[in-house]
Amino acid sequence: MSQEERDWLDWLKRVKDGVLTQRQAAWQLGISDRWVRKLLGRMAKDGNAVVAHRLRGQASNRRVADQTRERVLKLLLNPDWHDFGFGPCIAETP
């Protein structure tokens, strides 16, 4: 969890404890009152994970398949492509 996420969690807990109003927390976080209410509702269900992005840890939809990546690297290492601009640095790429 990043420091920003910990700060958000702190502000939301203050609202939950009644120390701050939703409007004050929204102003501090730079979001709308309505978003604070949504986060508080999700906080009741999901706990502290409410401040972390839900897609964290999942693979990107734009990720290139390993087979495709290996095939492209193999083609670029072909001597016919020697002047393409990559040279030996491709062979070192994991």
PDB file of N, CA and C in Angstrom:
ATOM      1  N   MET A   1       0.853  -1.166   0.000  1.00  0.00           N
ATOM      2  CA  MET A   1       0.000   0.000   0.000  1.00  0.00           C
ATOM      3  C   MET A   1       0.904   1.236   0.000  1.00  0.00           C
ATOM      4  N   SER A   2       0.617   2.173  -0.885  1.00  0.00           N
ATOM      5  CA  SER A   2       1.433   3.378  -0.989  1.00  0.00           C
ATOM      6  C   SER A   2       1.078   4.359   0.123  1.00  0.00           C
ATOM      7  N   GLN A   3       1.905   5.364   0.282  1.00  0.00           N
ATOM      8  CA  GLN A   3       1.656   6.373   1.306  1.00  0.00           C
ATOM      9  C   GLN A   3       0.359   7.131   1.022  1.00  0.00           C
ATOM     10  N   GLU A   4       0.101   7.412  -0.245  1.00  0.00           N
ATOM     11  CA  GLU A   4      -1.133   8.115  -0.609  1.00  0.00           C
ATOM     12  C   GLU A   4      -2.359   7.282  -0.224  1.00  0.00           C
ATOM     13  N   GLU A   5      -2.287   5.987  -0.451  1.00  0.00           N
ATOM     14  CA  GLU A   5      -3.404   5.118  -0.089  1.00  0.00           C
ATOM     15  C   GLU A   5      -3.590   5.073   1.431  1.00  0.00           C
ATOM     16  N   ARG A   6      -2.483   5.075   2.173  1.00  0.00           N
ATOM     17  CA  ARG A   6      -2.591   5.115   3.641  1.00  0.00           C
ATOM     18  C   ARG A   6      -3.225   6.416   4.108  1.00  0.00           C
ATOM     19  N   ASP A   7      -2.870   7.520   3.442  1.00  0.00           N
ATOM     20  CA  ASP A   7      -3.468   8.815   3.791  1.00  0.00           C
ATOM     21  C   ASP A   7      -4.974   8.803   3.527  1.00  0.00           C
ATOM     22  N   TRP A   8      -5.368   8.267   2.386  1.00  0.00           N
ATOM     23  CA  TRP A   8      -6.790   8.184   2.054  1.00  0.00           C
ATOM     24  C   TRP A   8      -7.529   7.359   3.104  1.00  0.00           C
ATOM     25  N   LEU A   9      -6.929   6.254   3.489  1.00  0.00           N
ATOM     26  CA  LEU A   9      -7.534   5.378   4.483  1.00  0.00           C
ATOM     27  C   LEU A   9      -7.684   6.111   5.816  1.00  0.00           C
ATOM     28  N   ASP A  10      -6.684   6.894   6.174  1.00  0.00           N
ATOM     29  CA  ASP A  10      -6.740   7.668   7.412  1.00  0.00           C
ATOM     30  C   ASP A  10      -7.899   8.659   7.382  1.00  0.00           C
ATOM     31  N   TRP A  11      -8.049   9.378   6.260  1.00  0.00           N
ATOM     32  CA  TRP A  11      -9.145  10.349   6.154  1.00  0.00           C
ATOM     33  C   TRP A  11     -10.505   9.649   6.214  1.00  0.00           C
ATOM     34  N   LEU A  12     -10.622   8.505   5.546  1.00  0.00           N
ATOM     35  CA  LEU A  12     -11.892   7.772   5.568  1.00  0.00           C
ATOM     36  C   LEU A  12     -12.215   7.246   6.967  1.00  0.00           C
ATOM     37  N   LYS A  13     -11.201   6.802   7.692  1.00  0.00           N
ATOM     38  CA  LYS A  13     -11.432   6.328   9.062  1.00  0.00           C
ATOM     39  C   LYS A  13     -11.857   7.470   9.977  1.00  0.00           C
ATOM     40  N   ARG A  14     -11.310   8.663   9.736  1.00  0.00           N
ATOM     41  CA  ARG A  14     -11.723   9.827  10.537  1.00  0.00           C
ATOM     42  C   ARG A  14     -13.202  10.138  10.312  1.00  0.00           C
ATOM     43  N   VAL A  15     -13.644  10.005   9.066  1.00  0.00           N
ATOM     44  CA  VAL A  15     -15.060  10.231   8.758  1.00  0.00           C
ATOM     45  C   VAL A  15     -15.906   9.161   9.437  1.00  0.00           C
ATOM     46  N   LYS A  16     -15.458   7.928   9.342  1.00  0.00           N
ATOM     47  CA  LYS A  16     -16.184   6.808   9.934  1.00  0.00           C
ATOM     48  C   LYS A  16     -16.321   6.979  11.452  1.00  0.00           C
ATOM     49  N   ASP A  17     -15.265   7.512  12.101  1.00  0.00           N
ATOM     50  CA  ASP A  17     -15.280   7.721  13.550  1.00  0.00           C
ATOM     51  C   ASP A  17     -16.039   8.978  13.966  1.00  0.00           C
ATOM     52  N   GLY A  18     -16.422   9.806  12.982  1.00  0.00           N
ATOM     53  CA  GLY A  18     -17.185  11.016  13.285  1.00  0.00           C
ATOM     54  C   GLY A  18     -16.328  12.218  13.613  1.00  0.00           C
ATOM     55  N   VAL A  19     -15.027  12.120  13.402  1.00  0.00           N
ATOM     56  CA  VAL A  19     -14.124  13.232  13.672  1.00  0.00           C
ATOM     57  C   VAL A  19     -14.243  14.295  12.585  1.00  0.00           C
ATOM     58  N   LEU A  20     -14.454  13.851  11.351  1.00  0.00           N
ATOM     59  CA  LEU A  20     -14.601  14.748  10.201  1.00  0.00           C
ATOM     60  C   LEU A  20     -15.927  14.506   9.512  1.00  0.00           C
ATOM     61  N   THR A  21     -16.355  15.490   8.759  1.00  0.00           N
ATOM     62  CA  THR A  21     -17.544  15.303   7.929  1.00  0.00           C
ATOM     63  C   THR A  21     -17.100  14.741   6.582  1.00  0.00           C
ATOM     64  N   GLN A  22     -18.043  14.208   5.855  1.00  0.00           N
ATOM     65  CA  GLN A  22     -17.740  13.681   4.522  1.00  0.00           C
ATOM     66  C   GLN A  22     -17.259  14.802   3.613  1.00  0.00           C
ATOM     67  N   ARG A  23     -17.821  15.970   3.762  1.00  0.00           N
ATOM     68  CA  ARG A  23     -17.435  17.107   2.919  1.00  0.00           C
ATOM     69  C   ARG A  23     -15.996  17.535   3.202  1.00  0.00           C
ATOM     70  N   GLN A  24     -15.596  17.542   4.460  1.00  0.00           N
ATOM     71  CA  GLN A  24     -14.221  17.916   4.804  1.00  0.00           C
ATOM     72  C   GLN A  24     -13.226  16.894   4.243  1.00  0.00           C
ATOM     73  N   ALA A  25     -13.558  15.625   4.366  1.00  0.00           N
ATOM     74  CA  ALA A  25     -12.686  14.576   3.831  1.00  0.00           C
ATOM     75  C   ALA A  25     -12.607  14.678   2.312  1.00  0.00           C
ATOM     76  N   ALA A  26     -13.732  14.943   1.678  1.00  0.00           N
ATOM     77  CA  ALA A  26     -13.750  15.072   0.223  1.00  0.00           C
ATOM     78  C   ALA A  26     -12.842  16.220  -0.214  1.00  0.00           C
ATOM     79  N   TRP A  27     -12.885  17.316   0.518  1.00  0.00           N
ATOM     80  CA  TRP A  27     -12.039  18.462   0.185  1.00  0.00           C
ATOM     81  C   TRP A  27     -10.566  18.093   0.353  1.00  0.00           C
ATOM     82  N   GLN A  28     -10.229  17.391   1.426  1.00  0.00           N
ATOM     83  CA  GLN A  28      -8.848  16.989   1.675  1.00  0.00           C
ATOM     84  C   GLN A  28      -8.338  16.016   0.610  1.00  0.00           C
ATOM     85  N   LEU A  29      -9.204  15.101   0.184  1.00  0.00           N
ATOM     86  CA  LEU A  29      -8.812  14.091  -0.791  1.00  0.00           C
ATOM     87  C   LEU A  29      -8.895  14.597  -2.225  1.00  0.00           C
ATOM     88  N   GLY A  30      -9.587  15.707  -2.437  1.00  0.00           N
ATOM     89  CA  GLY A  30      -9.737  16.243  -3.778  1.00  0.00           C
ATOM     90  C   GLY A  30     -10.754  15.484  -4.608  1.00  0.00           C
ATOM     91  N   ILE A  31     -11.775  14.935  -3.936  1.00  0.00           N
ATOM     92  CA  ILE A  31     -12.824  14.184  -4.618  1.00  0.00           C
ATOM     93  C   ILE A  31     -14.174  14.733  -4.187  1.00  0.00           C
ATOM     94  N   SER A  32     -15.249  14.205  -4.743  1.00  0.00           N
ATOM     95  CA  SER A  32     -16.584  14.696  -4.407  1.00  0.00           C
ATOM     96  C   SER A  32     -17.112  14.030  -3.140  1.00  0.00           C
ATOM     97  N   ASP A  33     -18.120  14.680  -2.540  1.00  0.00           N
ATOM     98  CA  ASP A  33     -18.770  14.119  -1.348  1.00  0.00           C
ATOM     99  C   ASP A  33     -19.361  12.750  -1.673  1.00  0.00           C
ATOM    100  N   ARG A  34     -19.926  12.662  -2.859  1.00  0.00           N
ATOM    101  CA  ARG A  34     -20.571  11.418  -3.264  1.00  0.00           C
ATOM    102  C   ARG A  34     -19.566  10.269  -3.344  1.00  0.00           C
ATOM    103  N   TRP A  35     -18.366  10.556  -3.841  1.00  0.00           N
ATOM    104  CA  TRP A  35     -17.347   9.532  -3.943  1.00  0.00           C
ATOM    105  C   TRP A  35     -16.919   9.071  -2.546  1.00  0.00           C
ATOM    106  N   VAL A  36     -16.855  10.011  -1.611  1.00  0.00           N
ATOM    107  CA  VAL A  36     -16.521   9.645  -0.230  1.00  0.00           C
ATOM    108  C   VAL A  36     -17.570   8.683   0.307  1.00  0.00           C
ATOM    109  N   ARG A  37     -18.837   8.966   0.040  1.00  0.00           N
ATOM    110  CA  ARG A  37     -19.906   8.074   0.506  1.00  0.00           C
ATOM    111  C   ARG A  37     -19.776   6.687  -0.125  1.00  0.00           C
ATOM    112  N   LYS A  38     -19.442   6.640  -1.415  1.00  0.00           N
ATOM    113  CA  LYS A  38     -19.256   5.346  -2.077  1.00  0.00           C
ATOM    114  C   LYS A  38     -18.086   4.588  -1.465  1.00  0.00           C
ATOM    115  N   LEU A  39     -16.992   5.289  -1.193  1.00  0.00           N
ATOM    116  CA  LEU A  39     -15.829   4.642  -0.593  1.00  0.00           C
ATOM    117  C   LEU A  39     -16.150   4.123   0.807  1.00  0.00           C
ATOM    118  N   LEU A  40     -16.927   4.879   1.567  1.00  0.00           N
ATOM    119  CA  LEU A  40     -17.308   4.439   2.913  1.00  0.00           C
ATOM    120  C   LEU A  40     -18.197   3.194   2.844  1.00  0.00           C
ATOM    121  N   GLY A  41     -19.078   3.155   1.866  1.00  0.00           N
ATOM    122  CA  GLY A  41     -19.926   1.979   1.682  1.00  0.00           C
ATOM    123  C   GLY A  41     -19.115   0.752   1.315  1.00  0.00           C
ATOM    124  N   ARG A  42     -18.155   0.946   0.413  1.00  0.00           N
ATOM    125  CA  ARG A  42     -17.277  -0.165   0.029  1.00  0.00           C
ATOM    126  C   ARG A  42     -16.359  -0.561   1.169  1.00  0.00           C
ATOM    127  N   MET A  43     -16.003   0.411   2.007  1.00  0.00           N
ATOM    128  CA  MET A  43     -15.130   0.136   3.138  1.00  0.00           C
ATOM    129  C   MET A  43     -15.818  -0.794   4.130  1.00  0.00           C
ATOM    130  N   ALA A  44     -17.124  -0.680   4.240  1.00  0.00           N
ATOM    131  CA  ALA A  44     -17.872  -1.558   5.135  1.00  0.00           C
ATOM    132  C   ALA A  44     -17.818  -3.003   4.636  1.00  0.00           C
ATOM    133  N   LYS A  45     -17.791  -3.185   3.303  1.00  0.00           N
ATOM    134  CA  LYS A  45     -17.751  -4.533   2.733  1.00  0.00           C
ATOM    135  C   LYS A  45     -16.330  -5.059   2.579  1.00  0.00           C
ATOM    136  N   ASP A  46     -15.436  -4.236   2.003  1.00  0.00           N
ATOM    137  CA  ASP A  46     -14.102  -4.689   1.619  1.00  0.00           C
ATOM    138  C   ASP A  46     -13.018  -4.383   2.641  1.00  0.00           C
ATOM    139  N   GLY A  47     -13.298  -3.575   3.614  1.00  0.00           N
ATOM    140  CA  GLY A  47     -12.290  -3.214   4.614  1.00  0.00           C
ATOM    141  C   GLY A  47     -11.285  -2.217   4.064  1.00  0.00           C
ATOM    142  N   ASN A  48     -10.046  -2.346   4.505  1.00  0.00           N
ATOM    143  CA  ASN A  48      -9.009  -1.387   4.133  1.00  0.00           C
ATOM    144  C   ASN A  48      -8.604  -1.466   2.663  1.00  0.00           C
ATOM    145  N   ALA A  49      -8.985  -2.518   1.982  1.00  0.00           N
ATOM    146  CA  ALA A  49      -8.630  -2.674   0.571  1.00  0.00           C
ATOM    147  C   ALA A  49      -9.378  -1.685  -0.314  1.00  0.00           C
ATOM    148  N   VAL A  50     -10.278  -0.925   0.260  1.00  0.00           N
ATOM    149  CA  VAL A  50     -11.085   0.005  -0.525  1.00  0.00           C
ATOM    150  C   VAL A  50     -10.226   1.069  -1.216  1.00  0.00           C
ATOM    151  N   VAL A  51      -9.081   1.420  -0.643  1.00  0.00           N
ATOM    152  CA  VAL A  51      -8.271   2.484  -1.227  1.00  0.00           C
ATOM    153  C   VAL A  51      -7.324   1.967  -2.311  1.00  0.00           C
ATOM    154  N   ALA A  52      -7.098   0.667  -2.382  1.00  0.00           N
ATOM    155  CA  ALA A  52      -6.215   0.103  -3.404  1.00  0.00           C
ATOM    156  C   ALA A  52      -7.006  -0.122  -4.688  1.00  0.00           C
ATOM    157  N   HIS A  53      -6.337   0.042  -5.811  1.00  0.00           N
ATOM    158  CA  HIS A  53      -6.994  -0.166  -7.098  1.00  0.00           C
ATOM    159  C   HIS A  53      -7.398  -1.624  -7.220  1.00  0.00           C
ATOM    160  N   ARG A  54      -8.588  -1.878  -7.693  1.00  0.00           N
ATOM    161  CA  ARG A  54      -9.113  -3.245  -7.745  1.00  0.00           C
ATOM    162  C   ARG A  54      -8.380  -4.139  -8.734  1.00  0.00           C
ATOM    163  N   LEU A  55      -7.733  -3.554  -9.732  1.00  0.00           N
ATOM    164  CA  LEU A  55      -7.057  -4.359 -10.750  1.00  0.00           C
ATOM    165  C   LEU A  55      -5.583  -4.600 -10.421  1.00  0.00           C
ATOM    166  N   ARG A  56      -5.152  -4.167  -9.248  1.00  0.00           N
ATOM    167  CA  ARG A  56      -3.752  -4.357  -8.872  1.00  0.00           C
ATOM    168  C   ARG A  56      -3.425  -5.847  -8.828  1.00  0.00           C
ATOM    169  N   GLY A  57      -2.295  -6.189  -9.422  1.00  0.00           N
ATOM    170  CA  GLY A  57      -1.845  -7.570  -9.412  1.00  0.00           C
ATOM    171  C   GLY A  57      -2.331  -8.397 -10.593  1.00  0.00           C
ATOM    172  N   GLN A  58      -3.219  -7.860 -11.405  1.00  0.00           N
ATOM    173  CA  GLN A  58      -3.709  -8.603 -12.561  1.00  0.00           C
ATOM    174  C   GLN A  58      -2.899  -8.226 -13.798  1.00  0.00           C
ATOM    175  N   ALA A  59      -2.811  -9.141 -14.724  1.00  0.00           N
ATOM    176  CA  ALA A  59      -2.081  -8.888 -15.962  1.00  0.00           C
ATOM    177  C   ALA A  59      -2.825  -7.856 -16.815  1.00  0.00           C
ATOM    178  N   SER A  60      -2.075  -7.071 -17.541  1.00  0.00           N
ATOM    179  CA  SER A  60      -2.641  -6.055 -18.410  1.00  0.00           C
ATOM    180  C   SER A  60      -3.364  -6.688 -19.594  1.00  0.00           C
ATOM    181  N   ASN A  61      -4.416  -6.035 -20.055  1.00  0.00           N
ATOM    182  CA  ASN A  61      -5.113  -6.496 -21.249  1.00  0.00           C
ATOM    183  C   ASN A  61      -4.268  -6.277 -22.505  1.00  0.00           C
ATOM    184  N   ARG A  62      -3.286  -5.396 -22.414  1.00  0.00           N
ATOM    185  CA  ARG A  62      -2.443  -5.065 -23.554  1.00  0.00           C
ATOM    186  C   ARG A  62      -1.166  -5.909 -23.599  1.00  0.00           C
ATOM    187  N   ARG A  63      -1.043  -6.852 -22.715  1.00  0.00           N
ATOM    188  CA  ARG A  63       0.154  -7.676 -22.655  1.00  0.00           C
ATOM    189  C   ARG A  63       0.279  -8.549 -23.908  1.00  0.00           C
ATOM    190  N   VAL A  64       1.498  -8.631 -24.423  1.00  0.00           N
ATOM    191  CA  VAL A  64       1.773  -9.448 -25.602  1.00  0.00           C
ATOM    192  C   VAL A  64       2.068 -10.870 -25.131  1.00  0.00           C
ATOM    193  N   ALA A  65       1.498 -11.840 -25.814  1.00  0.00           N
ATOM    194  CA  ALA A  65       1.705 -13.241 -25.455  1.00  0.00           C
ATOM    195  C   ALA A  65       3.182 -13.601 -25.569  1.00  0.00           C
ATOM    196  N   ASP A  66       3.635 -14.505 -24.707  1.00  0.00           N
ATOM    197  CA  ASP A  66       5.042 -14.901 -24.699  1.00  0.00           C
ATOM    198  C   ASP A  66       5.476 -15.504 -26.031  1.00  0.00           C
ATOM    199  N   GLN A  67       4.602 -16.313 -26.640  1.00  0.00           N
ATOM    200  CA  GLN A  67       4.933 -16.921 -27.935  1.00  0.00           C
ATOM    201  C   GLN A  67       5.173 -15.847 -28.988  1.00  0.00           C
ATOM    202  N   THR A  68       4.314 -14.843 -29.021  1.00  0.00           N
ATOM    203  CA  THR A  68       4.446 -13.764 -30.001  1.00  0.00           C
ATOM    204  C   THR A  68       5.725 -12.978 -29.762  1.00  0.00           C
ATOM    205  N   ARG A  69       6.012 -12.704 -28.511  1.00  0.00           N
ATOM    206  CA  ARG A  69       7.205 -11.939 -28.162  1.00  0.00           C
ATOM    207  C   ARG A  69       8.468 -12.691 -28.586  1.00  0.00           C
ATOM    208  N   GLU A  70       8.524 -13.980 -28.303  1.00  0.00           N
ATOM    209  CA  GLU A  70       9.684 -14.784 -28.685  1.00  0.00           C
ATOM    210  C   GLU A  70       9.851 -14.836 -30.198  1.00  0.00           C
ATOM    211  N   ARG A  71       8.743 -14.949 -30.906  1.00  0.00           N
ATOM    212  CA  ARG A  71       8.800 -15.019 -32.372  1.00  0.00           C
ATOM    213  C   ARG A  71       9.339 -13.711 -32.949  1.00  0.00           C
ATOM    214  N   VAL A  72       8.873 -12.575 -32.420  1.00  0.00           N
ATOM    215  CA  VAL A  72       9.325 -11.268 -32.902  1.00  0.00           C
ATOM    216  C   VAL A  72      10.813 -11.080 -32.608  1.00  0.00           C
ATOM    217  N   LEU A  73      11.243 -11.452 -31.401  1.00  0.00           N
ATOM    218  CA  LEU A  73      12.658 -11.321 -31.070  1.00  0.00           C
ATOM    219  C   LEU A  73      13.521 -12.194 -31.974  1.00  0.00           C
ATOM    220  N   LYS A  74      13.035 -13.375 -32.268  1.00  0.00           N
ATOM    221  CA  LYS A  74      13.783 -14.267 -33.154  1.00  0.00           C
ATOM    222  C   LYS A  74      13.913 -13.649 -34.548  1.00  0.00           C
ATOM    223  N   LEU A  75      12.836 -13.043 -35.038  1.00  0.00           N
ATOM    224  CA  LEU A  75      12.876 -12.398 -36.357  1.00  0.00           C
ATOM    225  C   LEU A  75      13.822 -11.202 -36.363  1.00  0.00           C
ATOM    226  N   LEU A  76      13.821 -10.426 -35.279  1.00  0.00           N
ATOM    227  CA  LEU A  76      14.674  -9.237 -35.237  1.00  0.00           C
ATOM    228  C   LEU A  76      16.154  -9.588 -35.113  1.00  0.00           C
ATOM    229  N   LEU A  77      16.448 -10.750 -34.573  1.00  0.00           N
ATOM    230  CA  LEU A  77      17.844 -11.175 -34.477  1.00  0.00           C
ATOM    231  C   LEU A  77      18.361 -11.761 -35.783  1.00  0.00           C
ATOM    232  N   ASN A  78      17.486 -11.943 -36.749  1.00  0.00           N
ATOM    233  CA  ASN A  78      17.856 -12.448 -38.068  1.00  0.00           C
ATOM    234  C   ASN A  78      18.856 -11.470 -38.698  1.00  0.00           C
ATOM    235  N   PRO A  79      19.908 -11.969 -39.340  1.00  0.00           N
ATOM    236  CA  PRO A  79      20.904 -11.088 -39.962  1.00  0.00           C
ATOM    237  C   PRO A  79      20.306 -10.117 -40.996  1.00  0.00           C
ATOM    238  N   ASP A  80      19.196 -10.475 -41.604  1.00  0.00           N
ATOM    239  CA  ASP A  80      18.580  -9.570 -42.583  1.00  0.00           C
ATOM    240  C   ASP A  80      18.076  -8.289 -41.932  1.00  0.00           C
ATOM    241  N   TRP A  81      17.884  -8.325 -40.627  1.00  0.00           N
ATOM    242  CA  TRP A  81      17.360  -7.165 -39.902  1.00  0.00           C
ATOM    243  C   TRP A  81      18.459  -6.466 -39.100  1.00  0.00           C
ATOM    244  N   HIS A  82      19.701  -6.657 -39.457  1.00  0.00           N
ATOM    245  CA  HIS A  82      20.812  -6.125 -38.676  1.00  0.00           C
ATOM    246  C   HIS A  82      20.774  -4.600 -38.544  1.00  0.00           C
ATOM    247  N   ASP A  83      20.186  -3.908 -39.513  1.00  0.00           N
ATOM    248  CA  ASP A  83      20.171  -2.446 -39.471  1.00  0.00           C
ATOM    249  C   ASP A  83      18.851  -1.892 -38.940  1.00  0.00           C
ATOM    250  N   PHE A  84      18.094  -2.713 -38.271  1.00  0.00           N
ATOM    251  CA  PHE A  84      16.796  -2.262 -37.767  1.00  0.00           C
ATOM    252  C   PHE A  84      16.951  -1.365 -36.542  1.00  0.00           C
ATOM    253  N   GLY A  85      18.101  -1.420 -35.881  1.00  0.00           N
ATOM    254  CA  GLY A  85      18.355  -0.510 -34.771  1.00  0.00           C
ATOM    255  C   GLY A  85      18.405  -1.153 -33.406  1.00  0.00           C
ATOM    256  N   PHE A  86      18.197  -2.468 -33.335  1.00  0.00           N
ATOM    257  CA  PHE A  86      18.186  -3.109 -32.027  1.00  0.00           C
ATOM    258  C   PHE A  86      19.518  -3.776 -31.719  1.00  0.00           C
ATOM    259  N   GLY A  87      20.091  -4.446 -32.672  1.00  0.00           N
ATOM    260  CA  GLY A  87      21.373  -5.077 -32.480  1.00  0.00           C
ATOM    261  C   GLY A  87      21.375  -6.129 -31.371  1.00  0.00           C
ATOM    262  N   PRO A  88      22.513  -6.262 -30.676  1.00  0.00           N
ATOM    263  CA  PRO A  88      22.651  -7.321 -29.678  1.00  0.00           C
ATOM    264  C   PRO A  88      21.865  -7.069 -28.387  1.00  0.00           C
ATOM    265  N   CYS A  89      21.343  -5.868 -28.191  1.00  0.00           N
ATOM    266  CA  CYS A  89      20.622  -5.593 -26.939  1.00  0.00           C
ATOM    267  C   CYS A  89      19.352  -6.429 -26.808  1.00  0.00           C
ATOM    268  N   ILE A  90      18.785  -6.923 -27.900  1.00  0.00           N
ATOM    269  CA  ILE A  90      17.591  -7.731 -27.847  1.00  0.00           C
ATOM    270  C   ILE A  90      17.881  -9.082 -27.188  1.00  0.00           C
ATOM    271  N   ALA A  91      19.022  -9.625 -27.470  1.00  0.00           N
ATOM    272  CA  ALA A  91      19.360 -10.944 -26.926  1.00  0.00           C
ATOM    273  C   ALA A  91      19.452 -10.909 -25.412  1.00  0.00           C
ATOM    274  N   GLU A  92      19.723  -9.732 -24.828  1.00  0.00           N
ATOM    275  CA  GLU A  92      19.851  -9.605 -23.379  1.00  0.00           C
ATOM    276  C   GLU A  92      18.519  -9.382 -22.692  1.00  0.00           C
ATOM    277  N   THR A  93      17.471  -9.075 -23.439  1.00  0.00           N
ATOM    278  CA  THR A  93      16.158  -8.805 -22.868  1.00  0.00           C
ATOM    279  C   THR A  93      15.553 -10.081 -22.311  1.00  0.00           C
ATOM    280  N   PRO A  94      15.019 -10.036 -21.063  1.00  0.00           N
ATOM    281  CA  PRO A  94      14.424 -11.245 -20.484  1.00  0.00           C
ATOM    282  C   PRO A  94      13.185 -11.690 -21.172  1.00  0.00           C
TER     283      PRO A  94
END
